[in-house]
């Protein structure tokens, strides 16, 4: 199944969820694959050192949105990234 391939995708248009904060956007995929809450928080903290987690995508510049999209892929710890 596609979800078991351990590949993370970053779309050109970011594919972020506007009502969610940066942290919630990054956690979304991990929650879908049922990552334990402690592991989820650790991965988000590691990937988010340079991001402002309480903001919403509409409050971010294009470059910041792209970094959030990349962060969302990083927290999955995939074997490959598709950009």
C-alpha atoms as a PDB file:
ATOM      1  CA  UNK A   1       0.000   0.000   0.000  1.00  0.00           C
ATOM      2  CA  UNK A   2       1.246   3.565  -0.654  1.00  0.00           C
ATOM      3  CA  UNK A   3       1.258   4.400   3.045  1.00  0.00           C
ATOM      4  CA  UNK A   4       3.708   1.575   3.738  1.00  0.00           C
ATOM      5  CA  UNK A   5       6.313   2.711   1.187  1.00  0.00           C
ATOM      6  CA  UNK A   6       8.059   5.097   3.622  1.00  0.00           C
ATOM      7  CA  UNK A   7       8.218   7.933   1.100  1.00  0.00           C
ATOM      8  CA  UNK A   8       7.299  11.552   1.897  1.00  0.00           C
ATOM      9  CA  UNK A   9       6.074  13.999  -0.723  1.00  0.00           C
ATOM     10  CA  UNK A  10       6.336  17.793  -0.737  1.00  0.00           C
ATOM     11  CA  UNK A  11       3.937  19.355  -3.220  1.00  0.00           C
ATOM     12  CA  UNK A  12       4.744  22.502  -5.175  1.00  0.00           C
ATOM     13  CA  UNK A  13       1.626  24.229  -3.810  1.00  0.00           C
ATOM     14  CA  UNK A  14       2.530  23.193  -0.201  1.00  0.00           C
ATOM     15  CA  UNK A  15      -0.742  21.270   0.493  1.00  0.00           C
ATOM     16  CA  UNK A  16      -1.070  22.757   3.987  1.00  0.00           C
ATOM     17  CA  UNK A  17      -4.329  22.827   5.933  1.00  0.00           C
ATOM     18  CA  UNK A  18      -5.214  26.513   6.565  1.00  0.00           C
ATOM     19  CA  UNK A  19      -7.202  26.020   9.804  1.00  0.00           C
ATOM     20  CA  UNK A  20      -4.333  24.104  11.419  1.00  0.00           C
ATOM     21  CA  UNK A  21      -1.234  25.572  13.034  1.00  0.00           C
ATOM     22  CA  UNK A  22       2.212  24.691  11.726  1.00  0.00           C
ATOM     23  CA  UNK A  23       2.603  22.048  14.451  1.00  0.00           C
ATOM     24  CA  UNK A  24      -0.813  20.550  13.651  1.00  0.00           C
ATOM     25  CA  UNK A  25       0.055  20.444   9.929  1.00  0.00           C
ATOM     26  CA  UNK A  26       3.297  18.643  10.713  1.00  0.00           C
ATOM     27  CA  UNK A  27       1.574  16.176  13.063  1.00  0.00           C
ATOM     28  CA  UNK A  28      -1.298  15.391  10.685  1.00  0.00           C
ATOM     29  CA  UNK A  29       0.414  12.631   8.709  1.00  0.00           C
ATOM     30  CA  UNK A  30       1.951  11.109  11.826  1.00  0.00           C
ATOM     31  CA  UNK A  31      -1.446  10.873  13.507  1.00  0.00           C
ATOM     32  CA  UNK A  32      -2.826   9.158  10.393  1.00  0.00           C
ATOM     33  CA  UNK A  33      -0.204   6.429  10.687  1.00  0.00           C
ATOM     34  CA  UNK A  34      -0.791   6.209  14.461  1.00  0.00           C
ATOM     35  CA  UNK A  35       2.627   7.320  15.708  1.00  0.00           C
ATOM     36  CA  UNK A  36       2.699   7.314  19.515  1.00  0.00           C
ATOM     37  CA  UNK A  37       2.127  10.769  21.059  1.00  0.00           C
ATOM     38  CA  UNK A  38       5.561  10.910  22.735  1.00  0.00           C
ATOM     39  CA  UNK A  39       7.343  10.063  19.475  1.00  0.00           C
ATOM     40  CA  UNK A  40       5.141  12.523  17.584  1.00  0.00           C
ATOM     41  CA  UNK A  41       6.026  15.387  19.954  1.00  0.00           C
ATOM     42  CA  UNK A  42       9.744  14.575  19.758  1.00  0.00           C
ATOM     43  CA  UNK A  43       9.766  14.505  15.949  1.00  0.00           C
ATOM     44  CA  UNK A  44       7.820  17.768  15.704  1.00  0.00           C
ATOM     45  CA  UNK A  45      10.163  19.486  18.168  1.00  0.00           C
ATOM     46  CA  UNK A  46      13.231  18.329  16.234  1.00  0.00           C
ATOM     47  CA  UNK A  47      11.863  19.395  12.845  1.00  0.00           C
ATOM     48  CA  UNK A  48      10.441  22.668  14.137  1.00  0.00           C
ATOM     49  CA  UNK A  49      13.507  24.306  15.661  1.00  0.00           C
ATOM     50  CA  UNK A  50      13.445  26.969  12.959  1.00  0.00           C
ATOM     51  CA  UNK A  51       9.652  27.215  12.556  1.00  0.00           C
ATOM     52  CA  UNK A  52       7.069  29.233  14.468  1.00  0.00           C
ATOM     53  CA  UNK A  53       4.610  26.525  15.474  1.00  0.00           C
ATOM     54  CA  UNK A  54       1.667  28.590  16.670  1.00  0.00           C
ATOM     55  CA  UNK A  55       1.120  30.377  13.350  1.00  0.00           C
ATOM     56  CA  UNK A  56      -1.345  29.425  10.635  1.00  0.00           C
ATOM     57  CA  UNK A  57      -0.239  28.987   7.001  1.00  0.00           C
ATOM     58  CA  UNK A  58      -1.924  32.258   5.989  1.00  0.00           C
ATOM     59  CA  UNK A  59       0.429  34.096   8.384  1.00  0.00           C
ATOM     60  CA  UNK A  60       3.543  32.668   6.736  1.00  0.00           C
ATOM     61  CA  UNK A  61       5.538  33.761   3.712  1.00  0.00           C
ATOM     62  CA  UNK A  62       5.824  31.429   0.727  1.00  0.00           C
ATOM     63  CA  UNK A  63       9.260  30.271   1.836  1.00  0.00           C
ATOM     64  CA  UNK A  64       8.019  29.582   5.354  1.00  0.00           C
ATOM     65  CA  UNK A  65       5.093  27.602   3.963  1.00  0.00           C
ATOM     66  CA  UNK A  66       7.500  25.539   1.888  1.00  0.00           C
ATOM     67  CA  UNK A  67       9.598  24.829   4.988  1.00  0.00           C
ATOM     68  CA  UNK A  68       6.481  23.682   6.853  1.00  0.00           C
ATOM     69  CA  UNK A  69       5.655  21.332   3.975  1.00  0.00           C
ATOM     70  CA  UNK A  70       9.217  19.994   4.087  1.00  0.00           C
ATOM     71  CA  UNK A  71       9.000  19.703   7.881  1.00  0.00           C
ATOM     72  CA  UNK A  72       5.843  17.660   7.520  1.00  0.00           C
ATOM     73  CA  UNK A  73       7.775  15.279   5.275  1.00  0.00           C
ATOM     74  CA  UNK A  74      10.825  15.186   7.583  1.00  0.00           C
ATOM     75  CA  UNK A  75       8.857  14.121  10.654  1.00  0.00           C
ATOM     76  CA  UNK A  76       7.766  10.974   8.817  1.00  0.00           C
ATOM     77  CA  UNK A  77      11.449   9.925   8.707  1.00  0.00           C
ATOM     78  CA  UNK A  78      11.066   8.433   5.214  1.00  0.00           C
ATOM     79  CA  UNK A  79      13.672   6.534   3.257  1.00  0.00           C
ATOM     80  CA  UNK A  80      13.097   8.875   0.303  1.00  0.00           C
ATOM     81  CA  UNK A  81      11.668  12.314  -0.374  1.00  0.00           C
ATOM     82  CA  UNK A  82       9.772  13.320  -3.507  1.00  0.00           C
ATOM     83  CA  UNK A  83       9.922  17.045  -4.302  1.00  0.00           C
END
